Amino acid sequence: MNTQITQEQELSLAFAAAWHRLEKRLDSNLGAIRGISLAEYRMLRALADAPSAWASRVDLAQTVGLTPSGITRALRPMEKLGFVSTAKSKRDARLALTSLTPAGQELVDDASAVMNDTMKTLIERSPGIQARMDEMIALLEDFGR
């Protein structure tokens, strides 16, 4: 039995461990300060960045890596809280489009500040990443394709 870890396995485990720690920290800070999870922030951020300020649930699902039904379940409480609104498409009644409300935009802005502060704190502890941030972003984007 071969129990020697390969470099590829080591890379995948390092990615998983780093993501787990980052996700926990961001979830904790977003939850404590703005009352949302990282997954909810990612959905709201995707809506804020949508080209026409409206996005279908399918588009949101592709952006954040959930299923369309997962997006629907996640958006329901946000709609009840007044952070998003949903409307039927004028061209296709089967298609529901979602957008941020002004309260939702304010939440995204506040949560983005929390994200920035959290990341700055984490990056300050990692001078190697701080010095090579552009390279790190490019490598991760390339890896994600």
N, C-alpha and C. Protein backbone atom coordinates (compact mmCIF):
# COMPACT_ATOMS: atom_id res chain seq x y z
N MET A 1 0.84 -1.18 0.00
CA MET A 1 0.00 0.00 0.00
C MET A 1 0.89 1.25 0.00
N ASN A 2 0.60 2.17 -0.91
CA ASN A 2 1.39 3.39 -1.04
C ASN A 2 0.74 4.49 -0.19
N THR A 3 1.41 4.86 0.89
CA THR A 3 0.86 5.90 1.77
C THR A 3 1.61 7.22 1.64
N GLN A 4 2.53 7.27 0.72
CA GLN A 4 3.29 8.50 0.53
C GLN A 4 2.38 9.54 -0.13
N ILE A 5 2.38 10.72 0.44
CA ILE A 5 1.54 11.78 -0.10
C ILE A 5 2.25 12.44 -1.29
N THR A 6 1.49 12.65 -2.33
CA THR A 6 2.06 13.29 -3.51
C THR A 6 1.98 14.80 -3.35
N GLN A 7 2.70 15.50 -4.17
CA GLN A 7 2.67 16.96 -4.14
C GLN A 7 1.28 17.47 -4.51
N GLU A 8 0.62 16.78 -5.44
CA GLU A 8 -0.74 17.17 -5.83
C GLU A 8 -1.71 17.02 -4.65
N GLN A 9 -1.56 15.91 -3.90
CA GLN A 9 -2.41 15.71 -2.73
C GLN A 9 -2.12 16.76 -1.67
N GLU A 10 -0.85 17.05 -1.49
CA GLU A 10 -0.46 18.06 -0.51
C GLU A 10 -1.06 19.42 -0.87
N LEU A 11 -1.04 19.75 -2.17
CA LEU A 11 -1.63 21.01 -2.61
C LEU A 11 -3.13 21.03 -2.33
N SER A 12 -3.82 19.95 -2.65
CA SER A 12 -5.27 19.92 -2.43
C SER A 12 -5.61 20.01 -0.94
N LEU A 13 -4.85 19.35 -0.11
CA LEU A 13 -5.10 19.41 1.33
C LEU A 13 -4.78 20.79 1.90
N ALA A 14 -3.74 21.43 1.38
CA ALA A 14 -3.40 22.78 1.83
C ALA A 14 -4.49 23.77 1.42
N PHE A 15 -5.00 23.64 0.19
CA PHE A 15 -6.12 24.48 -0.26
C PHE A 15 -7.33 24.29 0.65
N ALA A 16 -7.67 23.02 0.90
CA ALA A 16 -8.85 22.72 1.72
C ALA A 16 -8.70 23.29 3.13
N ALA A 17 -7.53 23.13 3.73
CA ALA A 17 -7.31 23.64 5.08
C ALA A 17 -7.36 25.16 5.11
N ALA A 18 -6.73 25.80 4.13
CA ALA A 18 -6.73 27.27 4.08
C ALA A 18 -8.16 27.79 3.87
N TRP A 19 -8.90 27.17 2.96
CA TRP A 19 -10.27 27.61 2.70
C TRP A 19 -11.12 27.42 3.95
N HIS A 20 -10.97 26.30 4.64
CA HIS A 20 -11.75 26.03 5.85
C HIS A 20 -11.51 27.12 6.90
N ARG A 21 -10.25 27.45 7.14
CA ARG A 21 -9.93 28.49 8.13
C ARG A 21 -10.46 29.85 7.69
N LEU A 22 -10.29 30.18 6.42
CA LEU A 22 -10.77 31.46 5.91
C LEU A 22 -12.29 31.55 5.99
N GLU A 23 -12.97 30.50 5.57
CA GLU A 23 -14.43 30.49 5.60
C GLU A 23 -14.96 30.64 7.03
N LYS A 24 -14.35 29.93 7.98
CA LYS A 24 -14.77 30.05 9.38
C LYS A 24 -14.61 31.47 9.89
N ARG A 25 -13.47 32.09 9.59
CA ARG A 25 -13.22 33.45 10.07
C ARG A 25 -14.20 34.45 9.44
N LEU A 26 -14.38 34.35 8.12
CA LEU A 26 -15.29 35.28 7.45
C LEU A 26 -16.73 35.06 7.90
N ASP A 27 -17.14 33.80 8.00
CA ASP A 27 -18.49 33.49 8.49
C ASP A 27 -18.71 34.08 9.88
N SER A 28 -17.74 33.88 10.75
CA SER A 28 -17.85 34.36 12.12
C SER A 28 -17.97 35.88 12.16
N ASN A 29 -17.10 36.57 11.45
CA ASN A 29 -17.11 38.03 11.48
C ASN A 29 -18.36 38.61 10.81
N LEU A 30 -18.75 38.06 9.68
CA LEU A 30 -19.96 38.54 9.01
C LEU A 30 -21.19 38.28 9.88
N GLY A 31 -21.24 37.11 10.49
CA GLY A 31 -22.38 36.77 11.34
C GLY A 31 -22.46 37.66 12.57
N ALA A 32 -21.32 37.91 13.20
CA ALA A 32 -21.30 38.71 14.42
C ALA A 32 -21.62 40.18 14.14
N ILE A 33 -21.17 40.69 13.02
CA ILE A 33 -21.30 42.12 12.76
C ILE A 33 -22.53 42.45 11.90
N ARG A 34 -22.82 41.63 10.89
CA ARG A 34 -23.94 41.92 9.99
C ARG A 34 -25.05 40.86 10.00
N GLY A 35 -24.84 39.75 10.69
CA GLY A 35 -25.88 38.74 10.81
C GLY A 35 -26.11 37.89 9.58
N ILE A 36 -25.10 37.82 8.70
CA ILE A 36 -25.22 36.98 7.51
C ILE A 36 -24.04 36.02 7.44
N SER A 37 -24.20 34.99 6.65
CA SER A 37 -23.12 34.03 6.44
C SER A 37 -22.30 34.44 5.22
N LEU A 38 -21.17 33.79 5.06
CA LEU A 38 -20.35 34.02 3.88
C LEU A 38 -21.11 33.63 2.62
N ALA A 39 -21.85 32.53 2.67
CA ALA A 39 -22.63 32.09 1.50
C ALA A 39 -23.68 33.15 1.13
N GLU A 40 -24.32 33.73 2.13
CA GLU A 40 -25.31 34.78 1.86
C GLU A 40 -24.62 36.03 1.29
N TYR A 41 -23.47 36.37 1.85
CA TYR A 41 -22.72 37.51 1.31
C TYR A 41 -22.37 37.28 -0.15
N ARG A 42 -21.92 36.08 -0.48
CA ARG A 42 -21.54 35.78 -1.87
C ARG A 42 -22.73 35.96 -2.81
N MET A 43 -23.93 35.54 -2.38
CA MET A 43 -25.12 35.73 -3.21
C MET A 43 -25.45 37.21 -3.37
N LEU A 44 -25.43 37.93 -2.26
CA LEU A 44 -25.73 39.36 -2.32
C LEU A 44 -24.69 40.11 -3.15
N ARG A 45 -23.43 39.73 -3.01
CA ARG A 45 -22.36 40.35 -3.79
C ARG A 45 -22.57 40.08 -5.28
N ALA A 46 -22.98 38.84 -5.62
CA ALA A 46 -23.25 38.50 -7.02
C ALA A 46 -24.40 39.35 -7.56
N LEU A 47 -25.42 39.58 -6.75
CA LEU A 47 -26.52 40.46 -7.18
C LEU A 47 -26.04 41.89 -7.37
N ALA A 48 -25.21 42.36 -6.45
CA ALA A 48 -24.68 43.72 -6.55
C ALA A 48 -23.85 43.89 -7.81
N ASP A 49 -23.18 42.82 -8.23
CA ASP A 49 -22.30 42.89 -9.40
C ASP A 49 -23.00 42.50 -10.71
N ALA A 50 -24.27 42.11 -10.64
CA ALA A 50 -24.99 41.67 -11.84
C ALA A 50 -25.04 42.82 -12.85
N PRO A 51 -24.84 42.52 -14.12
CA PRO A 51 -24.75 43.56 -15.15
C PRO A 51 -25.94 44.52 -15.19
N SER A 52 -27.15 44.03 -15.08
CA SER A 52 -28.32 44.90 -15.17
C SER A 52 -28.95 45.15 -13.81
N ALA A 53 -28.26 44.77 -12.74
CA ALA A 53 -28.74 44.87 -11.37
C ALA A 53 -29.83 43.83 -11.07
N TRP A 54 -30.13 42.98 -12.02
CA TRP A 54 -31.06 41.87 -11.85
C TRP A 54 -30.35 40.59 -12.27
N ALA A 55 -30.66 39.48 -11.59
CA ALA A 55 -30.07 38.20 -11.97
C ALA A 55 -31.10 37.09 -11.81
N SER A 56 -31.03 36.12 -12.69
CA SER A 56 -31.88 34.95 -12.54
C SER A 56 -31.27 34.04 -11.48
N ARG A 57 -32.07 33.15 -10.96
CA ARG A 57 -31.57 32.22 -9.95
C ARG A 57 -30.55 31.26 -10.56
N VAL A 58 -30.72 30.94 -11.82
CA VAL A 58 -29.75 30.08 -12.51
C VAL A 58 -28.41 30.79 -12.59
N ASP A 59 -28.42 32.07 -12.96
CA ASP A 59 -27.17 32.84 -13.02
C ASP A 59 -26.50 32.94 -11.65
N LEU A 60 -27.30 33.19 -10.62
CA LEU A 60 -26.74 33.26 -9.27
C LEU A 60 -26.16 31.92 -8.85
N ALA A 61 -26.86 30.85 -9.19
CA ALA A 61 -26.38 29.51 -8.84
C ALA A 61 -25.03 29.24 -9.47
N GLN A 62 -24.87 29.61 -10.73
CA GLN A 62 -23.60 29.39 -11.41
C GLN A 62 -22.50 30.24 -10.79
N THR A 63 -22.82 31.44 -10.39
CA THR A 63 -21.82 32.35 -9.83
C THR A 63 -21.32 31.88 -8.47
N VAL A 64 -22.23 31.42 -7.62
CA VAL A 64 -21.83 31.07 -6.25
C VAL A 64 -21.68 29.58 -6.00
N GLY A 65 -22.00 28.75 -6.99
CA GLY A 65 -21.77 27.32 -6.85
C GLY A 65 -22.84 26.57 -6.10
N LEU A 66 -24.07 27.05 -6.15
CA LEU A 66 -25.21 26.35 -5.57
C LEU A 66 -26.15 25.90 -6.68
N THR A 67 -27.15 25.13 -6.33
CA THR A 67 -28.19 24.77 -7.29
C THR A 67 -29.22 25.90 -7.33
N PRO A 68 -29.98 26.00 -8.42
CA PRO A 68 -31.05 27.02 -8.45
C PRO A 68 -32.04 26.86 -7.29
N SER A 69 -32.36 25.62 -6.91
CA SER A 69 -33.28 25.44 -5.78
C SER A 69 -32.61 25.87 -4.47
N GLY A 70 -31.30 25.67 -4.35
CA GLY A 70 -30.57 26.15 -3.18
C GLY A 70 -30.60 27.67 -3.10
N ILE A 71 -30.47 28.32 -4.25
CA ILE A 71 -30.56 29.79 -4.30
C ILE A 71 -31.95 30.24 -3.87
N THR A 72 -32.98 29.56 -4.37
CA THR A 72 -34.35 29.92 -4.02
C THR A 72 -34.55 29.82 -2.51
N ARG A 73 -34.10 28.72 -1.90
CA ARG A 73 -34.24 28.55 -0.45
C ARG A 73 -33.46 29.63 0.31
N ALA A 74 -32.28 29.98 -0.17
CA ALA A 74 -31.45 30.98 0.52
C ALA A 74 -32.01 32.39 0.37
N LEU A 75 -32.67 32.66 -0.76
CA LEU A 75 -33.17 34.01 -0.99
C LEU A 75 -34.49 34.29 -0.27
N ARG A 76 -35.25 33.26 0.04
CA ARG A 76 -36.56 33.48 0.70
C ARG A 76 -36.46 34.33 1.97
N PRO A 77 -35.60 33.95 2.94
CA PRO A 77 -35.53 34.79 4.14
C PRO A 77 -35.00 36.19 3.85
N MET A 78 -34.11 36.30 2.87
CA MET A 78 -33.58 37.63 2.52
C MET A 78 -34.67 38.51 1.92
N GLU A 79 -35.59 37.87 1.19
CA GLU A 79 -36.71 38.64 0.63
C GLU A 79 -37.65 39.08 1.75
N LYS A 80 -37.91 38.19 2.71
CA LYS A 80 -38.78 38.54 3.84
C LYS A 80 -38.19 39.67 4.68
N LEU A 81 -36.85 39.69 4.78
CA LEU A 81 -36.18 40.75 5.53
C LEU A 81 -36.03 42.05 4.74
N GLY A 82 -36.40 42.01 3.46
CA GLY A 82 -36.37 43.22 2.64
C GLY A 82 -35.03 43.52 1.99
N PHE A 83 -34.14 42.52 1.89
CA PHE A 83 -32.83 42.75 1.28
C PHE A 83 -32.83 42.50 -0.23
N VAL A 84 -33.74 41.67 -0.70
CA VAL A 84 -33.85 41.40 -2.14
C VAL A 84 -35.31 41.46 -2.54
N SER A 85 -35.53 41.67 -3.83
CA SER A 85 -36.89 41.61 -4.37
C SER A 85 -36.86 40.71 -5.59
N THR A 86 -37.99 40.08 -5.85
CA THR A 86 -38.10 39.16 -6.97
C THR A 86 -39.24 39.60 -7.86
N ALA A 87 -39.03 39.50 -9.15
CA ALA A 87 -40.06 39.85 -10.14
C ALA A 87 -40.03 38.84 -11.26
N LYS A 88 -41.17 38.63 -11.87
CA LYS A 88 -41.24 37.75 -13.04
C LYS A 88 -40.70 38.51 -14.24
N SER A 89 -40.04 37.78 -15.11
CA SER A 89 -39.51 38.38 -16.33
C SER A 89 -40.67 38.81 -17.22
N LYS A 90 -40.52 39.95 -17.87
CA LYS A 90 -41.56 40.43 -18.78
C LYS A 90 -41.64 39.58 -20.04
N ARG A 91 -40.51 38.98 -20.40
CA ARG A 91 -40.46 38.16 -21.62
C ARG A 91 -40.83 36.70 -21.38
N ASP A 92 -40.54 36.19 -20.17
CA ASP A 92 -40.75 34.77 -19.88
C ASP A 92 -41.30 34.64 -18.47
N ALA A 93 -42.59 34.34 -18.34
CA ALA A 93 -43.25 34.28 -17.04
C ALA A 93 -42.68 33.19 -16.14
N ARG A 94 -41.98 32.21 -16.72
CA ARG A 94 -41.38 31.14 -15.91
C ARG A 94 -40.10 31.60 -15.23
N LEU A 95 -39.54 32.70 -15.69
CA LEU A 95 -38.26 33.17 -15.21
C LEU A 95 -38.44 34.23 -14.11
N ALA A 96 -37.86 33.96 -12.94
CA ALA A 96 -37.89 34.93 -11.83
C ALA A 96 -36.54 35.63 -11.78
N LEU A 97 -36.58 36.93 -11.68
CA LEU A 97 -35.37 37.74 -11.57
C LEU A 97 -35.30 38.36 -10.18
N THR A 98 -34.11 38.43 -9.65
CA THR A 98 -33.90 38.95 -8.30
C THR A 98 -32.96 40.14 -8.35
N SER A 99 -33.22 41.10 -7.50
CA SER A 99 -32.32 42.26 -7.39
C SER A 99 -32.23 42.67 -5.92
N LEU A 100 -31.22 43.47 -5.64
CA LEU A 100 -31.06 44.02 -4.30
C LEU A 100 -32.02 45.19 -4.10
N THR A 101 -32.53 45.30 -2.91
CA THR A 101 -33.28 46.49 -2.52
C THR A 101 -32.27 47.50 -1.99
N PRO A 102 -32.67 48.74 -1.74
CA PRO A 102 -31.73 49.68 -1.11
C PRO A 102 -31.17 49.15 0.23
N ALA A 103 -32.01 48.47 1.01
CA ALA A 103 -31.51 47.88 2.27
C ALA A 103 -30.50 46.78 1.98
N GLY A 104 -30.74 46.03 0.92
CA GLY A 104 -29.80 44.97 0.53
C GLY A 104 -28.47 45.55 0.07
N GLN A 105 -28.52 46.66 -0.67
CA GLN A 105 -27.29 47.30 -1.11
C GLN A 105 -26.50 47.83 0.07
N GLU A 106 -27.21 48.38 1.05
CA GLU A 106 -26.55 48.86 2.26
C GLU A 106 -25.90 47.69 3.01
N LEU A 107 -26.60 46.55 3.08
CA LEU A 107 -26.04 45.36 3.72
C LEU A 107 -24.78 44.89 3.01
N VAL A 108 -24.81 44.86 1.69
CA VAL A 108 -23.63 44.46 0.91
C VAL A 108 -22.47 45.41 1.17
N ASP A 109 -22.77 46.70 1.18
CA ASP A 109 -21.71 47.69 1.43
C ASP A 109 -21.08 47.49 2.82
N ASP A 110 -21.94 47.32 3.83
CA ASP A 110 -21.44 47.11 5.19
C ASP A 110 -20.66 45.80 5.30
N ALA A 111 -21.22 44.73 4.72
CA ALA A 111 -20.57 43.42 4.78
C ALA A 111 -19.25 43.44 4.01
N SER A 112 -19.19 44.20 2.93
CA SER A 112 -17.94 44.32 2.17
C SER A 112 -16.85 44.96 3.02
N ALA A 113 -17.24 45.93 3.83
CA ALA A 113 -16.27 46.57 4.73
C ALA A 113 -15.78 45.55 5.77
N VAL A 114 -16.67 44.70 6.26
CA VAL A 114 -16.28 43.64 7.20
C VAL A 114 -15.30 42.69 6.52
N MET A 115 -15.62 42.30 5.28
CA MET A 115 -14.74 41.41 4.51
C MET A 115 -13.37 42.05 4.35
N ASN A 116 -13.34 43.32 3.95
CA ASN A 116 -12.06 44.01 3.75
C ASN A 116 -11.24 44.05 5.03
N ASP A 117 -11.88 44.42 6.13
CA ASP A 117 -11.16 44.50 7.40
C ASP A 117 -10.62 43.14 7.83
N THR A 118 -11.45 42.10 7.68
CA THR A 118 -11.03 40.75 8.06
C THR A 118 -9.86 40.30 7.21
N MET A 119 -9.96 40.50 5.90
CA MET A 119 -8.88 40.08 5.01
C MET A 119 -7.60 40.87 5.25
N LYS A 120 -7.70 42.16 5.49
CA LYS A 120 -6.50 42.95 5.78
C LYS A 120 -5.79 42.41 7.02
N THR A 121 -6.55 42.08 8.04
CA THR A 121 -5.97 41.52 9.27
C THR A 121 -5.27 40.20 8.98
N LEU A 122 -5.93 39.32 8.23
CA LEU A 122 -5.33 38.03 7.91
C LEU A 122 -4.10 38.17 7.03
N ILE A 123 -4.16 39.06 6.06
CA ILE A 123 -3.03 39.23 5.13
C ILE A 123 -1.83 39.86 5.83
N GLU A 124 -2.09 40.76 6.79
CA GLU A 124 -0.98 41.36 7.54
C GLU A 124 -0.18 40.31 8.29
N ARG A 125 -0.82 39.20 8.64
CA ARG A 125 -0.14 38.10 9.35
C ARG A 125 0.64 37.21 8.39
N SER A 126 0.48 37.43 7.11
CA SER A 126 1.14 36.61 6.09
C SER A 126 1.90 37.51 5.13
N PRO A 127 3.08 37.98 5.53
CA PRO A 127 3.80 38.93 4.69
C PRO A 127 4.12 38.39 3.30
N GLY A 128 4.30 37.09 3.16
CA GLY A 128 4.58 36.51 1.85
C GLY A 128 3.41 36.71 0.89
N ILE A 129 2.21 36.56 1.40
CA ILE A 129 1.02 36.77 0.56
C ILE A 129 0.86 38.26 0.28
N GLN A 130 1.06 39.07 1.28
CA GLN A 130 0.92 40.51 1.12
C GLN A 130 1.83 41.03 0.01
N ALA A 131 3.05 40.54 -0.04
CA ALA A 131 4.01 41.01 -1.04
C ALA A 131 3.70 40.48 -2.44
N ARG A 132 2.95 39.38 -2.52
CA ARG A 132 2.70 38.76 -3.83
C ARG A 132 1.21 38.60 -4.11
N MET A 133 0.43 39.55 -3.63
CA MET A 133 -1.03 39.45 -3.73
C MET A 133 -1.51 39.33 -5.17
N ASP A 134 -1.03 40.14 -6.08
CA ASP A 134 -1.47 40.08 -7.47
C ASP A 134 -1.16 38.71 -8.07
N GLU A 135 0.01 38.19 -7.78
CA GLU A 135 0.41 36.88 -8.27
C GLU A 135 -0.49 35.79 -7.68
N MET A 136 -0.79 35.90 -6.41
CA MET A 136 -1.64 34.92 -5.74
C MET A 136 -3.04 34.91 -6.35
N ILE A 137 -3.59 36.08 -6.57
CA ILE A 137 -4.92 36.18 -7.18
C ILE A 137 -4.91 35.56 -8.57
N ALA A 138 -3.91 35.88 -9.36
CA ALA A 138 -3.81 35.33 -10.72
C ALA A 138 -3.70 33.81 -10.69
N LEU A 139 -2.89 33.28 -9.78
CA LEU A 139 -2.73 31.83 -9.68
C LEU A 139 -4.04 31.16 -9.28
N LEU A 140 -4.75 31.72 -8.32
CA LEU A 140 -6.01 31.13 -7.90
C LEU A 140 -7.08 31.21 -8.99
N GLU A 141 -7.11 32.34 -9.69
CA GLU A 141 -8.06 32.44 -10.81
C GLU A 141 -7.74 31.44 -11.90
N ASP A 142 -6.46 31.26 -12.18
CA ASP A 142 -6.06 30.27 -13.18
C ASP A 142 -6.42 28.86 -12.73
N PHE A 143 -6.20 28.58 -11.45
CA PHE A 143 -6.50 27.25 -10.91
C PHE A 143 -8.01 26.98 -10.96
N GLY A 144 -8.82 28.02 -10.76
CA GLY A 144 -10.26 27.86 -10.74
C GLY A 144 -10.92 27.68 -12.09
N ARG A 145 -10.17 27.85 -13.16
CA ARG A 145 -10.75 27.69 -14.51
C ARG A 145 -10.86 26.23 -14.88
